[in-house]
Amino acid sequence: MNPVLAVSGPYLGLLLNALAWGVSWWPLRYLQHHGLHPLWATVLFFALGAVLITLWKPAVWRGLLSSRAAWTLAVAAGTTNVAFNWAVSVGDVVRVVLLFYLMPLWAVLLAWWMMGEPITRGAVVRVLLALAGAVLVLLPDGGHWPKFDGLADWLGLVGGFCFAWTNVLLRQQAQLPATTRAMAMFVGGTLWPLMLGLVLWQLNMVPAWPTTAGPWVWVALAMGLVFFVSNLALQYGAAKLPVQVTSVVMLTEVVFATLSSVWWGGAVLTWQVLCGGVLIVLVALLSSLS
């Protein structure tokens, strides 16, 4: 193998994954504009991945069906994807991504509760910095109190919490085969939005599946392939690089999401969001280095 590719390949894999998620808001909004709600779009994305893994390794279902821990992972990962995809489809992309990346705050608390990891002085400092960043992001222009701006902000917060939960579960379940864990995440990303979508559809809270096919079908299938490839790229990069390096490189998702929303989506960055974003990214960097 080319030595340059051998060195840069894992980094490029992580950057590809971060890019895919950082700009995913655009195709999700396109699909929603054509009648495909983010819940149904998430079902399509992850069902395609589950089918491809099944065709590659059918035996993976035996490990998945026999592992209660893997199904817990499926719930956590599925909720993460539901919350993130829905949030960036309907809300301010920058706010959503920054609230999502409060993940280190939740990771400290979950690791203490689920794994007995002590909360160090450095962890307390990171939690306080993350909370300060969140206050700035949620602070209205000219306002004096933080304010959640509707469903998107809450979904971003829930998505970040479940992302932290997913990471802690992956550490707990390191003994499971990688294919079982990957399949659990794809199955969770398929079943959970499907069940939630059906319930909310019956309550007239989300629209039904589009009755006519159109260009959106090809966009949805293309995004399913993009997410599948980006997941493989993440697996490859994360296996080759230290966890700290992986965490730092993945923060480029914030950059991709911010730049794309400003250039394509007409987003306007206020000083509060910029300062809050700096604090939140700083916390994520400190968490990675620790």
Protein backbone atom coordinates (compact mmCIF):
# COMPACT_ATOMS: atom_id res chain seq x y z
CA MET A 1 0.00 0.00 0.00
CA ASN A 2 1.10 3.56 -0.67
CA PRO A 3 2.63 4.76 2.65
CA VAL A 4 0.96 8.18 2.31
CA LEU A 5 -2.44 6.49 1.91
CA ALA A 6 -1.72 4.16 4.82
CA VAL A 7 -1.10 7.14 7.09
CA SER A 8 -3.83 9.46 5.79
CA GLY A 9 -6.49 6.81 5.08
CA PRO A 10 -7.90 6.59 8.65
CA TYR A 11 -8.06 10.38 8.92
CA LEU A 12 -9.82 10.63 5.56
CA GLY A 13 -12.29 7.98 6.71
CA LEU A 14 -13.18 9.99 9.82
CA LEU A 15 -13.44 13.20 7.81
CA LEU A 16 -15.76 11.48 5.34
CA ASN A 17 -18.03 10.42 8.18
CA ALA A 18 -18.01 13.90 9.71
CA LEU A 19 -18.74 15.47 6.32
CA ALA A 20 -21.67 13.11 5.66
CA TRP A 21 -23.32 13.97 8.97
CA GLY A 22 -22.36 17.64 8.86
CA VAL A 23 -24.18 18.29 5.57
CA SER A 24 -26.95 15.70 6.02
CA TRP A 25 -29.39 18.49 6.91
CA TRP A 26 -29.64 19.54 3.26
CA PRO A 27 -30.89 16.22 1.76
CA LEU A 28 -33.10 15.69 4.82
CA ARG A 29 -34.79 19.03 4.21
CA TYR A 30 -35.09 18.24 0.50
CA LEU A 31 -36.82 14.97 1.33
CA GLN A 32 -39.11 16.65 3.83
CA HIS A 33 -40.03 19.27 1.21
CA HIS A 34 -41.11 16.40 -1.06
CA GLY A 35 -43.29 14.84 1.63
CA LEU A 36 -40.90 12.39 3.30
CA HIS A 37 -40.78 13.11 7.03
CA PRO A 38 -37.34 12.75 8.72
CA LEU A 39 -38.64 9.70 10.62
CA TRP A 40 -39.48 7.87 7.39
CA ALA A 41 -36.21 9.05 5.81
CA THR A 42 -34.25 7.62 8.76
CA VAL A 43 -36.03 4.29 8.33
CA LEU A 44 -34.94 4.17 4.68
CA PHE A 45 -31.34 5.16 5.42
CA PHE A 46 -30.73 2.54 8.07
CA ALA A 47 -32.85 -0.24 6.58
CA LEU A 48 -30.60 -0.16 3.54
CA GLY A 49 -27.54 -0.57 5.77
CA ALA A 50 -29.17 -3.44 7.68
CA VAL A 51 -29.99 -5.21 4.40
CA LEU A 52 -26.43 -4.81 3.11
CA ILE A 53 -24.92 -6.20 6.33
CA THR A 54 -27.37 -9.11 6.24
CA LEU A 55 -26.35 -9.95 2.67
CA TRP A 56 -22.70 -9.77 3.68
CA LYS A 57 -22.95 -11.73 6.98
CA PRO A 58 -26.35 -13.38 7.52
CA ALA A 59 -25.05 -15.06 10.68
CA VAL A 60 -24.90 -11.67 12.39
CA TRP A 61 -28.59 -12.02 13.27
CA ARG A 62 -27.86 -14.95 15.59
CA GLY A 63 -25.57 -12.81 17.70
CA LEU A 64 -27.98 -9.90 17.67
CA LEU A 65 -31.09 -11.87 18.63
CA SER A 66 -29.28 -13.60 21.50
CA SER A 67 -27.86 -10.44 23.07
CA ARG A 68 -30.00 -8.25 25.31
CA ALA A 69 -27.12 -5.78 25.56
CA ALA A 70 -27.08 -5.34 21.78
CA TRP A 71 -30.76 -4.39 21.82
CA THR A 72 -30.07 -1.73 24.45
CA LEU A 73 -27.45 -0.38 22.08
CA ALA A 74 -30.04 -0.46 19.28
CA VAL A 75 -32.42 1.72 21.32
CA ALA A 76 -29.68 4.24 22.20
CA ALA A 77 -28.30 4.48 18.67
CA GLY A 78 -31.77 4.56 17.11
CA THR A 79 -32.88 7.40 19.36
CA THR A 80 -29.68 9.30 18.55
CA ASN A 81 -30.37 9.16 14.83
CA VAL A 82 -34.08 9.92 15.16
CA ALA A 83 -33.39 13.00 17.26
CA PHE A 84 -30.51 14.33 15.16
CA ASN A 85 -32.14 13.81 11.75
CA TRP A 86 -35.43 15.31 12.85
CA ALA A 87 -33.76 18.27 14.55
CA VAL A 88 -31.57 19.35 11.61
CA SER A 89 -34.57 19.01 9.30
CA VAL A 90 -36.70 21.53 11.16
CA GLY A 91 -34.37 23.71 13.24
CA ASP A 92 -31.33 25.94 13.17
CA VAL A 93 -28.53 23.59 12.09
CA VAL A 94 -25.76 25.30 14.06
CA ARG A 95 -27.74 25.37 17.31
CA VAL A 96 -28.77 21.74 16.88
CA VAL A 97 -25.22 20.52 16.20
CA LEU A 98 -23.78 22.48 19.12
CA LEU A 99 -26.44 21.18 21.52
CA PHE A 100 -25.79 17.69 20.16
CA TYR A 101 -22.08 18.08 20.95
CA LEU A 102 -22.82 18.67 24.61
CA MET A 103 -22.28 14.91 24.56
CA PRO A 104 -19.12 15.06 26.80
CA LEU A 105 -21.23 16.55 29.59
CA TRP A 106 -23.63 13.61 29.52
CA ALA A 107 -20.78 11.12 29.02
CA VAL A 108 -19.22 12.16 32.34
CA LEU A 109 -22.49 11.58 34.21
CA LEU A 110 -23.38 8.34 32.41
CA ALA A 111 -19.90 6.85 32.83
CA TRP A 112 -20.12 7.59 36.56
CA TRP A 113 -23.61 6.08 36.86
CA MET A 114 -23.23 3.07 34.56
CA MET A 115 -19.54 2.20 34.94
CA GLY A 116 -18.55 3.68 38.27
CA GLU A 117 -15.96 6.03 36.78
CA PRO A 118 -15.06 8.78 39.27
CA ILE A 119 -15.94 12.37 38.46
CA THR A 120 -12.61 14.19 38.60
CA ARG A 121 -11.92 17.87 39.14
CA GLY A 122 -11.17 18.21 35.44
CA ALA A 123 -14.51 16.61 34.58
CA VAL A 124 -16.32 19.13 36.80
CA VAL A 125 -14.56 22.00 35.00
CA ARG A 126 -15.57 20.54 31.62
CA VAL A 127 -19.18 20.19 32.75
CA LEU A 128 -19.29 23.83 33.89
CA LEU A 129 -17.74 25.02 30.62
CA ALA A 130 -20.25 22.95 28.61
CA LEU A 131 -23.15 24.39 30.59
CA ALA A 132 -21.84 27.91 30.03
CA GLY A 133 -21.60 27.19 26.30
CA ALA A 134 -25.15 25.84 26.24
CA VAL A 135 -26.45 28.96 28.02
CA LEU A 136 -24.82 31.18 25.39
CA VAL A 137 -26.18 29.10 22.52
CA LEU A 138 -29.70 29.20 23.99
CA LEU A 139 -29.58 32.88 24.93
CA PRO A 140 -31.98 34.93 22.75
CA ASP A 141 -30.75 38.14 21.13
CA GLY A 142 -31.18 40.83 23.77
CA GLY A 143 -32.58 38.27 26.21
CA HIS A 144 -31.49 37.59 29.78
CA TRP A 145 -32.47 33.93 30.17
CA PRO A 146 -31.66 30.84 28.08
CA LYS A 147 -34.58 29.69 25.98
CA PHE A 148 -35.25 26.48 24.09
CA ASP A 149 -36.45 27.43 20.62
CA GLY A 150 -39.03 24.75 20.01
CA LEU A 151 -38.77 21.07 19.09
CA ALA A 152 -35.41 21.22 17.29
CA ASP A 153 -33.45 22.39 20.36
CA TRP A 154 -34.95 19.67 22.55
CA LEU A 155 -34.24 17.04 19.91
CA GLY A 156 -30.63 18.22 19.62
CA LEU A 157 -30.23 17.93 23.38
CA VAL A 158 -31.84 14.46 23.49
CA GLY A 159 -29.74 13.33 20.53
CA GLY A 160 -26.52 14.38 22.26
CA PHE A 161 -27.54 12.58 25.45
CA CYS A 162 -28.31 9.38 23.53
CA PHE A 163 -25.06 9.73 21.58
CA ALA A 164 -23.19 9.76 24.92
CA TRP A 165 -25.27 6.78 26.05
CA THR A 166 -24.34 4.97 22.83
CA ASN A 167 -20.64 5.60 23.40
CA VAL A 168 -20.77 4.35 26.99
CA LEU A 169 -22.64 1.21 25.85
CA LEU A 170 -20.03 0.57 23.16
CA ARG A 171 -17.36 0.65 25.86
CA GLN A 172 -19.41 -1.66 28.07
CA GLN A 173 -20.03 -4.08 25.22
CA ALA A 174 -16.51 -4.25 23.84
CA GLN A 175 -16.69 -8.05 24.09
CA LEU A 176 -19.41 -8.21 21.43
CA PRO A 177 -18.29 -8.76 17.82
CA ALA A 178 -18.00 -5.55 15.84
CA THR A 179 -20.52 -6.81 13.27
CA THR A 180 -23.09 -7.43 16.02
CA ARG A 181 -22.68 -3.93 17.40
CA ALA A 182 -22.86 -2.39 13.92
CA MET A 183 -25.99 -4.39 13.08
CA ALA A 184 -27.58 -3.36 16.37
CA MET A 185 -27.07 0.28 15.48
CA PHE A 186 -28.54 -0.15 11.98
CA VAL A 187 -31.51 -2.14 13.27
CA GLY A 188 -32.13 0.47 15.97
CA GLY A 189 -31.96 3.19 13.33
CA THR A 190 -34.63 1.30 11.38
CA LEU A 191 -37.09 -0.04 13.94
CA TRP A 192 -37.19 2.84 16.42
CA PRO A 193 -38.12 5.61 13.93
CA LEU A 194 -40.54 3.19 12.25
CA MET A 195 -42.41 2.48 15.49
CA LEU A 196 -42.32 6.11 16.60
CA GLY A 197 -43.45 7.26 13.17
CA LEU A 198 -46.40 4.88 13.15
CA VAL A 199 -47.54 6.05 16.58
CA LEU A 200 -47.21 9.75 15.71
CA TRP A 201 -48.91 9.18 12.35
CA GLN A 202 -51.91 7.63 14.10
CA LEU A 203 -52.00 10.70 16.36
CA ASN A 204 -51.86 12.98 13.27
CA MET A 205 -48.57 14.43 14.47
CA VAL A 206 -46.49 13.41 11.42
CA PRO A 207 -47.60 13.01 7.78
CA ALA A 208 -48.09 9.61 6.21
CA TRP A 209 -45.57 8.03 3.87
CA PRO A 210 -45.75 9.73 0.43
CA THR A 211 -48.22 7.92 -1.81
CA THR A 212 -46.39 8.70 -5.05
CA ALA A 213 -42.78 8.05 -5.92
CA GLY A 214 -40.60 10.79 -7.35
CA PRO A 215 -37.02 12.04 -7.43
CA TRP A 216 -36.96 11.87 -3.63
CA VAL A 217 -36.70 8.06 -3.88
CA TRP A 218 -33.29 8.26 -5.52
CA VAL A 219 -32.11 10.90 -3.08
CA ALA A 220 -33.19 8.71 -0.16
CA LEU A 221 -31.43 5.63 -1.57
CA ALA A 222 -28.30 7.67 -2.29
CA MET A 223 -28.27 8.98 1.28
CA GLY A 224 -28.69 5.45 2.59
CA LEU A 225 -25.57 4.42 0.66
CA VAL A 226 -23.71 7.52 1.85
CA PHE A 227 -24.51 6.74 5.49
CA PHE A 228 -23.55 3.10 5.03
CA VAL A 229 -20.18 4.00 3.46
CA SER A 230 -19.55 6.72 6.04
CA ASN A 231 -20.24 4.22 8.83
CA LEU A 232 -17.69 1.82 7.32
CA ALA A 233 -15.25 4.73 7.03
CA LEU A 234 -15.79 5.54 10.71
CA GLN A 235 -15.23 1.89 11.69
CA TYR A 236 -12.01 1.85 9.64
CA GLY A 237 -10.65 5.11 10.99
CA ALA A 238 -11.60 4.43 14.60
CA ALA A 239 -9.90 1.03 14.48
CA LYS A 240 -6.63 2.54 13.23
CA LEU A 241 -6.37 5.65 15.42
CA PRO A 242 -6.40 6.31 19.18
CA VAL A 243 -9.76 7.22 20.66
CA GLN A 244 -8.54 10.73 21.52
CA VAL A 245 -7.52 11.39 17.91
CA THR A 246 -10.82 10.00 16.60
CA SER A 247 -12.81 12.27 18.92
CA VAL A 248 -10.89 15.37 17.85
CA VAL A 249 -11.18 14.64 14.12
CA MET A 250 -14.92 13.97 14.46
CA LEU A 251 -15.39 17.51 15.80
CA THR A 252 -14.96 18.68 12.21
CA GLU A 253 -18.65 17.81 11.87
CA VAL A 254 -19.37 21.07 13.70
CA VAL A 255 -17.29 22.96 11.11
CA PHE A 256 -18.95 21.22 8.15
CA ALA A 257 -22.44 21.82 9.55
CA THR A 258 -21.75 25.47 10.37
CA LEU A 259 -20.17 26.37 7.03
CA SER A 260 -22.76 24.51 4.96
CA SER A 261 -25.68 26.08 6.84
CA VAL A 262 -24.22 29.57 6.40
CA TRP A 263 -23.40 29.11 2.70
CA TRP A 264 -26.43 27.08 1.61
CA GLY A 265 -29.02 27.67 4.28
CA GLY A 266 -28.59 31.37 4.89
CA ALA A 267 -27.85 30.89 8.60
CA VAL A 268 -26.68 33.95 10.54
CA LEU A 269 -24.22 33.44 13.39
CA THR A 270 -24.66 35.68 16.44
CA TRP A 271 -21.91 36.42 18.93
CA GLN A 272 -23.68 34.33 21.58
CA VAL A 273 -23.75 31.25 19.36
CA LEU A 274 -20.13 31.74 18.30
CA CYS A 275 -18.89 32.12 21.88
CA GLY A 276 -21.05 29.23 23.09
CA GLY A 277 -19.83 27.08 20.22
CA VAL A 278 -16.21 27.81 21.11
CA LEU A 279 -16.82 26.70 24.70
CA ILE A 280 -18.64 23.52 23.66
CA VAL A 281 -15.95 22.55 21.13
CA LEU A 282 -13.29 23.33 23.75
CA VAL A 283 -15.00 20.95 26.17
CA ALA A 284 -15.08 18.21 23.53
CA LEU A 285 -11.36 18.76 22.85
CA LEU A 286 -10.51 18.65 26.54
CA SER A 287 -12.56 15.46 26.93
CA SER A 288 -10.68 13.87 24.06
CA LEU A 289 -7.29 14.82 25.49
CA SER A 290 -8.25 13.55 28.94
